[in-house]
Amino acid sequence: MSATAEQAIMTRLVADTGVSAIVGQKIYPHSAPQSVDMPYIVYQRIDATHEHNMLGGSGLYTARIQIDMYALSYAALLTLAQAVRTAIQGYRGWVTVGTDTVKIGMCHLAGDQEFYIDPQDSSQKGIYRLMHDYMVSADESQPAHTG
């Protein structure tokens, strides 16, 4: 199986010194373990479109990738968000994921939204969350068809 655009983008985040200085390796698909300390990042692909032409698949697709960042202070959250944006906003190029290589044609921040999660009791702290939606275009392999 070929690596995906979201795997390529997360590989860039893990390798970025600005991001790793803040979260280390705490970047998780879909959800974080309950015991993980903040700050951390969670990501997921929200949707993808696969481009076609008159001959079938074109080998291009665009994925919308949601990156959720969590921190215990608003200032820490904004610092993390800026590091993430610096690492991937506007990126174009090749990313090696394991033994695969993914060609990213474009990565741009399409929107963001902030949240504050109230503590459940006085023994807890509130949680700050910032959600980024990135549009990422990439090449994809096409199945061979006979006919």
Foldseek 3Di string as FASTA:
>chain_A
DADDPVLQLLLLQQPQPQLCVAANNQEEEPDGPPPDDDWHKYKDWPDKDFDADPVGTPQKMKTKMKIKTKDLDPVSRVSNVVSSCVRAAFDFAWGDDPPHIKGWHGKHWPDKDKDWACDPDPVDGIMIMMMTIMIIMIGHDDDDDDD
